[in-house]
Protein backbone atom coordinates (compact mmCIF):
# COMPACT_ATOMS: atom_id res chain seq x y z
CA MET A 1 113.36 147.84 -52.54
CA PRO A 2 116.20 147.20 -50.12
CA LYS A 3 116.71 143.52 -48.98
CA ALA A 4 116.94 142.20 -45.46
CA LEU A 5 117.73 138.79 -43.91
CA LEU A 6 114.60 138.15 -41.80
CA CYS A 7 113.77 135.90 -38.87
CA THR A 8 110.12 135.07 -39.49
CA SER A 9 109.85 132.34 -36.87
CA PHE A 10 112.20 131.50 -34.08
CA GLY A 11 114.57 128.68 -34.89
CA PRO A 12 117.98 127.82 -36.25
CA PRO A 13 119.92 130.03 -38.81
CA GLU A 14 118.71 127.83 -41.71
CA THR A 15 115.24 129.26 -41.26
CA LEU A 16 116.26 132.95 -42.01
CA VAL A 17 115.07 134.26 -45.37
CA VAL A 18 116.21 137.02 -47.58
CA THR A 19 113.40 139.30 -48.71
CA ASP A 20 112.54 142.68 -50.00
CA GLN A 21 111.52 145.06 -47.16
CA ALA A 22 110.00 148.48 -47.46
CA ALA A 23 112.27 151.14 -45.98
CA ALA A 24 111.20 152.04 -42.55
CA PRO A 25 110.02 155.66 -41.97
CA LEU A 26 112.53 158.08 -40.39
CA GLY A 27 111.53 159.21 -36.89
CA PRO A 28 112.66 161.97 -34.54
CA GLY A 29 116.29 161.71 -33.55
CA GLN A 30 117.08 158.95 -36.11
CA ILE A 31 119.25 158.55 -39.17
CA ARG A 32 118.92 156.32 -42.28
CA MET A 33 122.01 154.49 -43.36
CA ARG A 34 123.00 152.31 -46.28
CA VAL A 35 124.61 149.32 -44.61
CA ARG A 36 127.71 148.10 -46.23
CA ALA A 37 128.78 145.38 -43.80
CA ALA A 38 127.44 143.87 -40.59
CA GLY A 39 129.27 142.03 -37.88
CA VAL A 40 128.09 138.52 -36.69
CA ASN A 41 127.97 138.18 -32.93
CA PHE A 42 126.95 135.50 -30.52
CA PRO A 43 123.79 137.36 -29.26
CA ASP A 44 122.51 137.19 -32.91
CA THR A 45 122.35 133.32 -32.61
CA LEU A 46 120.45 133.51 -29.33
CA MET A 47 117.99 136.21 -30.56
CA ILE A 48 116.71 134.13 -33.59
CA ALA A 49 116.22 131.19 -31.19
CA ASN A 50 114.19 133.34 -28.75
CA LYS A 51 116.86 132.76 -26.02
CA TYR A 52 118.14 136.37 -25.60
CA GLN A 53 117.10 138.88 -22.95
CA PHE A 54 115.97 141.31 -25.70
CA LYS A 55 113.15 139.88 -27.82
CA PRO A 56 112.18 141.84 -30.86
CA PRO A 57 108.77 141.16 -32.43
CA LEU A 58 108.63 138.95 -35.53
CA PRO A 59 109.64 139.41 -38.19
CA PHE A 60 112.91 141.09 -37.57
CA ALA A 61 116.38 141.20 -39.09
CA PRO A 62 119.11 140.17 -36.65
CA GLY A 63 122.39 141.88 -36.52
CA GLY A 64 123.54 144.20 -33.74
CA GLU A 65 126.43 146.06 -35.31
CA CYS A 66 127.07 147.44 -38.77
CA ALA A 67 129.05 149.98 -40.81
CA GLY A 68 128.01 152.08 -43.84
CA THR A 69 127.04 155.55 -45.07
CA VAL A 70 124.47 158.00 -43.81
CA LEU A 71 121.66 158.59 -46.40
CA GLU A 72 119.24 160.82 -44.42
CA VAL A 73 118.94 162.43 -41.09
CA ALA A 74 115.85 163.51 -39.18
CA PRO A 75 115.30 167.25 -38.44
CA GLY A 76 117.21 168.23 -35.41
CA VAL A 77 119.95 165.65 -35.84
CA ASP A 78 123.15 167.73 -36.28
CA ARG A 79 125.85 165.20 -35.41
CA PHE A 80 125.67 163.51 -38.77
CA ALA A 81 124.97 164.38 -42.41
CA PRO A 82 124.29 162.47 -45.57
CA GLY A 83 127.59 160.95 -46.86
CA ASP A 84 129.17 160.44 -43.36
CA ARG A 85 130.74 157.03 -42.83
CA VAL A 86 129.37 155.56 -39.57
CA ILE A 87 129.20 152.52 -37.24
CA ALA A 88 125.78 151.70 -35.77
CA LEU A 89 124.77 149.54 -32.89
CA PRO A 90 121.04 149.06 -33.27
CA GLY A 91 120.63 145.88 -31.18
CA TRP A 92 119.02 144.20 -34.18
CA GLY A 93 118.22 145.00 -37.75
CA ALA A 94 121.67 145.31 -39.19
CA PHE A 95 121.35 142.31 -41.58
CA ALA A 96 119.71 144.59 -44.12
CA GLU A 97 120.70 146.98 -46.84
CA ASP A 98 118.72 149.89 -45.39
CA LEU A 99 118.67 150.58 -41.65
CA VAL A 100 116.98 153.39 -39.59
CA VAL A 101 118.56 153.76 -36.23
CA ASP A 102 118.67 156.29 -33.33
CA ALA A 103 121.48 158.76 -33.80
CA ALA A 104 122.46 158.00 -30.28
CA GLN A 105 123.48 154.53 -31.31
CA VAL A 106 125.78 155.74 -34.06
CA SER A 107 129.35 156.87 -34.09
CA ARG A 108 131.79 157.93 -36.79
CA THR A 109 133.90 155.33 -38.48
CA PRO A 110 137.51 155.94 -37.44
CA ALA A 111 139.69 157.51 -40.01
CA GLY A 112 141.37 155.00 -42.29
CA MET A 113 139.15 152.01 -41.25
CA ASP A 114 137.27 150.16 -44.06
CA ASP A 115 133.66 149.11 -43.66
CA ILE A 116 134.33 145.44 -43.13
CA THR A 117 136.80 146.22 -40.27
CA ALA A 118 134.42 148.77 -38.84
CA ALA A 119 131.59 146.21 -38.77
CA ALA A 120 133.88 143.88 -36.79
CA PHE A 121 135.24 146.40 -34.32
CA VAL A 122 132.92 147.94 -31.79
CA PHE A 123 131.25 144.93 -30.10
CA THR A 124 134.41 142.91 -29.48
CA TYR A 125 136.90 145.65 -28.64
CA GLY A 126 134.25 147.80 -26.77
CA THR A 127 133.31 144.82 -24.55
CA THR A 128 136.78 143.81 -23.98
CA TYR A 129 138.23 147.26 -23.29
CA HIS A 130 135.49 147.85 -20.67
CA ALA A 131 136.18 144.43 -19.25
CA LEU A 132 139.95 144.79 -18.79
CA VAL A 133 140.12 148.54 -17.92
CA GLN A 134 137.00 149.32 -15.92
CA ARG A 135 135.99 145.93 -14.55
CA ALA A 136 139.31 144.18 -13.99
CA GLN A 137 141.60 147.23 -13.71
CA LEU A 138 144.32 145.22 -15.44
CA ARG A 139 147.67 146.50 -14.64
CA PRO A 140 151.05 146.35 -16.50
CA GLY A 141 153.01 143.23 -15.52
CA GLU A 142 149.98 141.20 -14.53
CA THR A 143 149.09 137.91 -16.09
CA LEU A 144 145.93 137.69 -18.14
CA LEU A 145 144.32 134.24 -19.05
CA VAL A 146 141.97 134.36 -22.12
CA LEU A 147 139.58 131.49 -22.62
CA GLY A 148 138.22 131.08 -26.05
CA ALA A 149 141.10 133.18 -27.24
CA ALA A 150 140.50 132.70 -31.02
CA GLY A 151 137.03 134.06 -30.99
CA GLY A 152 136.00 137.65 -31.67
CA VAL A 153 136.16 138.89 -28.07
CA GLY A 154 138.98 136.38 -27.21
CA LEU A 155 141.34 137.81 -29.84
CA ALA A 156 140.37 141.37 -28.77
CA ALA A 157 141.38 140.36 -25.18
CA VAL A 158 144.70 139.05 -26.39
CA GLU A 159 145.52 142.23 -28.21
CA LEU A 160 144.33 144.64 -25.60
CA GLY A 161 145.94 142.67 -22.84
CA LYS A 162 149.28 143.14 -24.62
CA ALA A 163 148.50 146.84 -25.29
CA LEU A 164 147.79 147.29 -21.62
CA GLY A 165 151.16 145.81 -20.65
CA ALA A 166 150.02 142.30 -19.46
CA ARG A 167 151.52 138.91 -20.00
CA VAL A 168 148.89 137.08 -22.00
CA ILE A 169 148.17 133.30 -21.92
CA ALA A 170 145.69 132.27 -24.64
CA ALA A 171 143.67 129.14 -24.19
CA ALA A 172 141.62 127.55 -27.05
CA SER A 173 140.45 124.19 -28.27
CA SER A 174 142.94 123.47 -31.23
CA PRO A 175 146.45 124.14 -32.46
CA ALA A 176 144.96 126.13 -35.39
CA LYS A 177 143.08 128.49 -33.12
CA LEU A 178 146.10 128.96 -30.90
CA ALA A 179 148.18 129.83 -33.94
CA VAL A 180 145.79 132.77 -34.56
CA ALA A 181 146.15 133.87 -30.92
CA ARG A 182 149.94 133.79 -31.09
CA ASP A 183 149.79 135.77 -34.28
CA HIS A 184 147.86 138.44 -32.38
CA GLY A 185 150.34 138.65 -29.53
CA ALA A 186 149.81 135.85 -27.03
CA ASP A 187 152.89 135.15 -24.94
CA ALA A 188 151.97 131.61 -24.20
CA VAL A 189 149.19 129.14 -25.23
CA ILE A 190 147.19 126.24 -23.80
CA ASP A 191 145.33 123.77 -25.90
CA TYR A 192 142.53 122.80 -23.55
CA GLY A 193 141.17 120.36 -26.10
CA ALA A 194 144.21 118.21 -25.48
CA ASP A 195 145.78 119.33 -22.27
CA ASP A 196 144.54 119.66 -18.66
CA LEU A 197 143.83 123.35 -18.19
CA ARG A 198 144.91 123.52 -14.48
CA GLN A 199 148.10 121.56 -14.94
CA ALA A 200 149.10 123.68 -17.95
CA LEU A 201 148.39 126.88 -15.96
CA LYS A 202 150.37 125.65 -13.01
CA ALA A 203 153.40 125.15 -15.35
CA LEU A 204 153.08 128.49 -17.02
CA CYS A 205 152.21 130.64 -14.01
CA PRO A 206 152.64 128.84 -10.65
CA ALA A 207 150.95 131.66 -8.74
CA GLY A 208 147.96 131.68 -11.16
CA PRO A 209 146.66 134.32 -13.53
CA ASP A 210 145.73 137.77 -12.09
CA VAL A 211 142.82 138.24 -14.39
CA ILE A 212 140.73 135.59 -16.20
CA TYR A 213 138.61 136.64 -19.27
CA ASP A 214 135.93 134.11 -19.83
CA PRO A 215 133.47 134.48 -22.70
CA VAL A 216 132.99 130.72 -22.93
CA GLY A 217 131.42 129.33 -19.77
CA GLY A 218 130.88 125.62 -19.70
CA ALA A 219 133.31 123.13 -18.18
CA TYR A 220 136.52 125.26 -18.23
CA SER A 221 135.25 128.10 -15.97
CA GLU A 222 135.62 126.34 -12.68
CA ALA A 223 139.00 124.81 -13.51
CA ALA A 224 140.26 128.40 -14.48
CA LEU A 225 138.77 129.89 -11.25
CA ARG A 226 140.53 127.28 -9.20
CA SER A 227 143.82 128.40 -10.65
CA ILE A 228 143.36 132.15 -10.17
CA ALA A 229 145.93 134.15 -8.20
CA TRP A 230 145.30 135.76 -4.79
CA ASN A 231 143.31 139.08 -5.37
CA GLY A 232 142.57 137.89 -8.86
CA ARG A 233 139.59 139.02 -10.90
CA PHE A 234 137.45 136.53 -12.93
CA LEU A 235 135.62 138.28 -15.79
CA VAL A 236 132.19 136.78 -16.65
CA VAL A 237 131.82 137.84 -20.31
CA GLY A 238 129.53 135.30 -21.89
CA PHE A 239 128.58 131.63 -22.36
CA ALA A 240 129.50 130.66 -25.93
CA ALA A 241 129.86 127.05 -24.82
CA GLY A 242 126.01 127.07 -24.37
CA SER A 243 125.92 126.25 -20.62
CA ILE A 244 126.11 128.60 -17.64
CA PRO A 245 128.46 127.17 -15.05
CA SER A 246 127.63 126.92 -11.37
CA VAL A 247 130.85 127.50 -9.36
CA PRO A 248 131.28 126.93 -5.64
CA LEU A 249 131.40 130.33 -4.04
CA ASN A 250 133.83 129.19 -1.49
CA LEU A 251 136.43 129.48 -4.19
CA ALA A 252 136.02 133.25 -4.17
CA LEU A 253 136.57 133.19 -0.41
CA LEU A 254 139.67 130.91 -0.48
CA LYS A 255 141.29 132.68 -3.34
CA GLY A 256 140.43 136.19 -2.08
CA CYS A 257 139.18 136.87 -5.68
CA ALA A 258 136.46 138.81 -7.25
CA ILE A 259 133.95 137.31 -9.73
CA VAL A 260 133.07 140.28 -11.97
CA GLY A 261 130.26 140.61 -14.45
CA VAL A 262 130.75 142.33 -17.77
CA PHE A 263 127.56 143.70 -19.43
CA TRP A 264 128.79 146.07 -22.03
CA GLY A 265 125.44 146.83 -23.48
CA ALA A 266 124.09 148.08 -20.08
CA PHE A 267 127.31 149.97 -19.52
CA THR A 268 126.98 151.97 -22.76
CA ALA A 269 123.45 152.86 -21.87
CA ARG A 270 124.30 153.82 -18.21
CA GLU A 271 127.60 155.53 -18.83
CA PRO A 272 127.56 156.80 -22.42
CA GLY A 273 130.37 159.32 -21.83
CA LEU A 274 132.76 156.78 -20.55
CA ALA A 275 131.76 154.32 -23.30
CA GLN A 276 132.53 156.91 -25.90
CA ALA A 277 135.87 157.65 -24.31
CA ASN A 278 136.65 153.99 -24.58
CA LEU A 279 135.76 154.00 -28.22
CA ASP A 280 138.03 156.95 -28.77
CA ALA A 281 140.89 155.17 -27.06
CA LEU A 282 140.30 152.11 -29.22
CA ALA A 283 140.35 154.14 -32.39
CA ALA A 284 143.65 155.56 -31.37
CA LEU A 285 145.02 152.09 -30.74
CA HIS A 286 143.84 150.95 -34.07
CA GLN A 287 145.32 153.96 -35.84
CA ALA A 288 148.63 153.23 -34.11
CA GLY A 289 148.53 149.62 -35.37
CA ARG A 290 148.39 148.10 -31.94
CA ILE A 291 145.11 146.34 -32.53
CA ARG A 292 143.94 144.76 -35.76
CA PRO A 293 140.56 143.13 -36.08
CA HIS A 294 140.73 139.57 -37.59
CA VAL A 295 137.92 138.96 -40.00
CA SER A 296 138.30 135.25 -40.96
CA ALA A 297 135.42 135.27 -43.49
CA THR A 298 132.90 137.33 -45.15
CA TYR A 299 129.49 136.23 -46.44
CA PRO A 300 126.91 137.81 -48.74
CA LEU A 301 123.53 138.70 -47.25
CA ALA A 302 121.92 135.62 -48.87
CA ALA A 303 124.37 133.38 -46.99
CA GLY A 304 123.92 135.20 -43.65
CA GLY A 305 122.41 132.08 -42.14
CA ALA A 306 125.61 130.07 -42.98
CA ALA A 307 127.62 132.70 -41.08
CA LEU A 308 125.48 132.35 -37.95
CA ARG A 309 125.75 128.49 -38.27
CA ALA A 310 129.53 128.78 -38.41
CA LEU A 311 129.58 130.87 -35.26
CA ILE A 312 127.25 128.40 -33.47
CA ASP A 313 129.45 125.49 -34.48
CA ARG A 314 132.54 127.39 -33.33
CA GLN A 315 134.17 127.12 -36.73
CA ALA A 316 135.21 130.78 -36.87
CA THR A 317 138.23 132.49 -35.64
CA GLY A 318 138.05 136.25 -34.96
CA LYS A 319 135.04 137.84 -36.57
CA LEU A 320 132.63 136.93 -39.45
CA VAL A 321 131.08 139.74 -41.44
CA ILE A 322 128.02 139.83 -43.75
CA THR A 323 128.52 142.17 -46.73
CA MET A 324 125.82 143.90 -48.78
CA ALA A 325 125.71 144.04 -52.60
């Protein structure tokens, strides 16, 4: 029987348990896949604590993205066949060896991409490409500030900012994290664990950054917004710091700037054609060597709770991936 890492009661990652789970029946429009690797993402940590907007019924396996091989397709599903290598975005359920998922939530793994890389690819780069291209309309020659620049979406923003022709300033909480950001193309760095963010930004770009990419929230959001350039765009991506900042809205008036929300999941549901075009563009960038997902650690399924704990404690750089036996 296939194994799964289950949340049986809401709580911290240490309460997750690995158990045998009967394979789910295959419904209309679905595929069954053998999961080879699953990416670990911040929403997973919220979901097991019952703090996320989507609340699957207990028990459930967390895990919103994975890569593997198609085992079976339902009648009428003609986009995939057994043996195809695929990436799936089920929302939850990916921390399991066997997964049944709607075919609409599945795409082919780009040529030349291994399963571990594929499992770390779509959430971070899909979110970030949508943020920078559709939401911020980042232009060549502009300055992009990335907060939390060593995390999964942060490193994706560093790489994609460079690919789109921007000057990229990476901000993170330690020299070690900033070294990773530099390795992925950052032009300048700020250690906001040691230095005053506003003063450092003033020295690096007196006019302020044109676009701010903020997946962190917390104390640094307002400081960054106060430094933004005229006509700047502040991207609200997430709140990895754990607190949702309240910013004075007069700053948007005084700076002539836009505060722009980035909800990639809703975007993919509402504009699937454009979302797929984004993924095609990302696959081309990866094949050209212009983006390279950074997986800092892999964990076996039995240690999946430790992977979530490392993410919560902000010990990871880039992505963490759970691998199946």
